[in-house]
């Protein structure tokens, strides 16, 4: 059995940068989005906060969380 310890905390006097907490992106069914790779699209399916099915016109793509490269318009 392995023990899980708490993540190391960042000290204010540390010369290293503090860990960055990724921002949570919130998308809903029907939202218009822009994706770095696929272009403009509309969300046509939601998979319980783990993935979005997006229609980009010529194709549909499943974009998984944390939705890198996708922004709400």
C-alpha atoms as a PDB file:
ATOM      1  CA  UNK A   1       0.000   0.000   0.000  1.00  0.00           C
ATOM      2  CA  UNK A   2       1.403   3.402  -0.953  1.00  0.00           C
ATOM      3  CA  UNK A   3       0.834   6.540   1.031  1.00  0.00           C
ATOM      4  CA  UNK A   4      -0.287   9.673  -0.723  1.00  0.00           C
ATOM      5  CA  UNK A   5       1.159  12.801   0.743  1.00  0.00           C
ATOM      6  CA  UNK A   6      -0.026  16.346   0.296  1.00  0.00           C
ATOM      7  CA  UNK A   7       1.441  18.226  -2.663  1.00  0.00           C
ATOM      8  CA  UNK A   8       4.482  20.303  -1.781  1.00  0.00           C
ATOM      9  CA  UNK A   9       3.600  23.857  -0.880  1.00  0.00           C
ATOM     10  CA  UNK A  10       5.214  26.879  -2.443  1.00  0.00           C
ATOM     11  CA  UNK A  11       7.205  29.127  -0.133  1.00  0.00           C
ATOM     12  CA  UNK A  12       7.083  32.868  -0.735  1.00  0.00           C
ATOM     13  CA  UNK A  13      10.876  33.045  -0.484  1.00  0.00           C
ATOM     14  CA  UNK A  14      11.426  30.338  -3.101  1.00  0.00           C
ATOM     15  CA  UNK A  15      13.401  31.404  -6.196  1.00  0.00           C
ATOM     16  CA  UNK A  16      11.238  29.091  -8.345  1.00  0.00           C
ATOM     17  CA  UNK A  17       7.921  30.105  -9.850  1.00  0.00           C
ATOM     18  CA  UNK A  18       4.743  29.033  -8.108  1.00  0.00           C
ATOM     19  CA  UNK A  19       2.813  26.221  -9.799  1.00  0.00           C
ATOM     20  CA  UNK A  20       0.137  27.506 -12.143  1.00  0.00           C
ATOM     21  CA  UNK A  21      -3.406  26.303 -11.577  1.00  0.00           C
ATOM     22  CA  UNK A  22      -5.074  25.751 -14.962  1.00  0.00           C
ATOM     23  CA  UNK A  23      -8.182  27.821 -15.541  1.00  0.00           C
ATOM     24  CA  UNK A  24     -11.439  25.934 -15.809  1.00  0.00           C
ATOM     25  CA  UNK A  25     -13.128  26.590 -19.141  1.00  0.00           C
ATOM     26  CA  UNK A  26     -16.906  26.463 -19.128  1.00  0.00           C
ATOM     27  CA  UNK A  27     -18.699  25.433 -22.319  1.00  0.00           C
ATOM     28  CA  UNK A  28     -22.354  24.569 -22.915  1.00  0.00           C
ATOM     29  CA  UNK A  29     -24.363  22.902 -25.634  1.00  0.00           C
ATOM     30  CA  UNK A  30     -24.826  25.273 -28.578  1.00  0.00           C
ATOM     31  CA  UNK A  31     -21.883  27.567 -27.764  1.00  0.00           C
ATOM     32  CA  UNK A  32     -19.906  28.934 -30.707  1.00  0.00           C
ATOM     33  CA  UNK A  33     -16.190  28.207 -30.294  1.00  0.00           C
ATOM     34  CA  UNK A  34     -12.886  28.774 -32.023  1.00  0.00           C
ATOM     35  CA  UNK A  35     -10.237  26.049 -32.031  1.00  0.00           C
ATOM     36  CA  UNK A  36      -6.565  26.569 -32.935  1.00  0.00           C
ATOM     37  CA  UNK A  37      -6.488  23.497 -35.174  1.00  0.00           C
ATOM     38  CA  UNK A  38     -10.039  23.106 -36.531  1.00  0.00           C
ATOM     39  CA  UNK A  39     -11.308  26.702 -36.747  1.00  0.00           C
ATOM     40  CA  UNK A  40     -14.841  27.897 -35.981  1.00  0.00           C
ATOM     41  CA  UNK A  41     -17.464  25.491 -34.705  1.00  0.00           C
ATOM     42  CA  UNK A  42     -20.501  24.866 -32.521  1.00  0.00           C
ATOM     43  CA  UNK A  43     -20.751  22.475 -29.561  1.00  0.00           C
ATOM     44  CA  UNK A  44     -23.234  19.714 -30.427  1.00  0.00           C
ATOM     45  CA  UNK A  45     -22.530  17.250 -27.604  1.00  0.00           C
ATOM     46  CA  UNK A  46     -21.368  17.278 -23.988  1.00  0.00           C
ATOM     47  CA  UNK A  47     -19.828  14.282 -22.189  1.00  0.00           C
ATOM     48  CA  UNK A  48     -20.220  15.061 -18.457  1.00  0.00           C
ATOM     49  CA  UNK A  49     -17.456  17.688 -18.325  1.00  0.00           C
ATOM     50  CA  UNK A  50     -14.778  15.374 -19.753  1.00  0.00           C
ATOM     51  CA  UNK A  51     -15.187  16.068 -23.479  1.00  0.00           C
ATOM     52  CA  UNK A  52     -17.102  18.152 -26.011  1.00  0.00           C
ATOM     53  CA  UNK A  53     -18.288  17.090 -29.454  1.00  0.00           C
ATOM     54  CA  UNK A  54     -17.833  20.071 -31.759  1.00  0.00           C
ATOM     55  CA  UNK A  55     -19.182  20.474 -35.298  1.00  0.00           C
ATOM     56  CA  UNK A  56     -16.696  22.394 -37.441  1.00  0.00           C
ATOM     57  CA  UNK A  57     -18.765  22.225 -40.631  1.00  0.00           C
ATOM     58  CA  UNK A  58     -16.638  19.807 -42.645  1.00  0.00           C
ATOM     59  CA  UNK A  59     -16.029  17.493 -39.697  1.00  0.00           C
ATOM     60  CA  UNK A  60     -16.903  16.793 -36.079  1.00  0.00           C
ATOM     61  CA  UNK A  61     -14.203  16.473 -33.447  1.00  0.00           C
ATOM     62  CA  UNK A  62     -14.197  15.268 -29.839  1.00  0.00           C
ATOM     63  CA  UNK A  63     -12.203  17.774 -27.765  1.00  0.00           C
ATOM     64  CA  UNK A  64     -11.201  16.487 -24.324  1.00  0.00           C
ATOM     65  CA  UNK A  65     -10.753  18.466 -21.114  1.00  0.00           C
ATOM     66  CA  UNK A  66      -8.888  20.838 -20.397  1.00  0.00           C
ATOM     67  CA  UNK A  67      -9.922  22.001 -23.903  1.00  0.00           C
ATOM     68  CA  UNK A  68      -6.500  23.332 -24.917  1.00  0.00           C
ATOM     69  CA  UNK A  69      -6.691  25.585 -27.943  1.00  0.00           C
ATOM     70  CA  UNK A  70     -10.457  26.108 -27.705  1.00  0.00           C
ATOM     71  CA  UNK A  71     -12.046  29.427 -26.784  1.00  0.00           C
ATOM     72  CA  UNK A  72     -15.676  30.490 -26.451  1.00  0.00           C
ATOM     73  CA  UNK A  73     -16.790  33.232 -28.853  1.00  0.00           C
END
